[in-house]
Amino acid sequence: MRENTADGTSFTMLVDCGDISIHADGEAPSGQYCDACSRRISAADFLKKEKIKRLDLLVITHLHRDHVGGLLQLLAEADVSQLWCNYVPDPVLWGRQVQVPDSFSDGAKCLLDSINIYSRGLLLLSKKGAVIRCIRSDQKALRMGRELHVFPFCDDAALPRQEKIWQRCFDAQVGCEELDCLNKFINDTSLRLRICYAGRNIELPGDFCAARWDKCDQPECSIVKLPHHGHADSLTEPLAAKLRAEYTVVSVSNSRTDHCPAEEIMAMSGRNSGRLLFTDAVTLPGIHPVYHDSVRFRIDKSGSVSLVE
């Protein structure tokens, strides 16, 4: 997200940085994903393509690897002025690496990969003078540009449990069962952002389960990014009816086999949203794949929203 102002300055913000860019040979060098049926690219490569060398704000909604895995590649391409996350360990731990036992489950290993990537990223950011902030739900709206305001929300009830498990990782005391438990609730630690610009609202909820916030007082929004890749827990009828989004975006790869996106959720979104868009060439009944490397919107100062084809 970039705000351009009349004086020629801009505010550039990125929410999450994707997974490690994995190639078909199993290696993860910088470069485009080589899925033959996709044009999606890594966050780092997208910034490079757009010639973005500096981020005023990077938000990591939660520490699943598909949200933090691309951090180190991103930091090789761009400087970051400020980082927000829902968990920030003691600075003495920044850079410390946690052992990943072969005997642990795949989910547990991915979480340990995530904390190792994040820890290295924190150290790199601190050496470059970035401001690192742990965001909780009592954080008031923040003005990030002349017209840009960010309202952060999170479920504080889940955060102490997460913090305890991450600390046990750094203390080399964590077990696979604890990490498997964290894997079950970590989506609900997500920072949920409502971004307001020129009278328009954009909802970016990370992977926060819809049933956890559909009872909140939610004003209508222009754009919503569905949580959890359009999974069955990403939307409810009450929430969809409250949001009444003009555009609904599903961030998902075309190769997922875990019910993402869920057909019933796409149908629900279609009943309540003006237009449904995907970040990859997804094929579902009644939906034809569109090959592109990004979904892009432009909001002008009058509040007019347009899809950049």
Foldseek 3Di string as FASTA:
>chain_A
DKDADPVGDIAAEEEFWFAQQAEPVRDGDADAHPPVQARAGTSLVVCVVVVNAEHAEYEQFFQQRRRQRCLVSNVVRHAYQEYEYQDDDDLVQQQPAFDQDPPADPQLSRSSSRVNSVSPNVVVNVVVPHHYDNDAAVDAWDDRDPFKIKHKYADVVCSVLVHVQVVCRSVVNHDNVSSVVCSVCRLRRTIWMWMGGLRATETEGAQHFAVVPLVPQAAAHAEYEFHPQQAPRRDDLSNLQRHLYQEYEGEDEQPDDPPRNPPVSVVSNVVRYNYYYYCIQHDDVVGGGDHDHGWDWDQDNNGDIDTDD
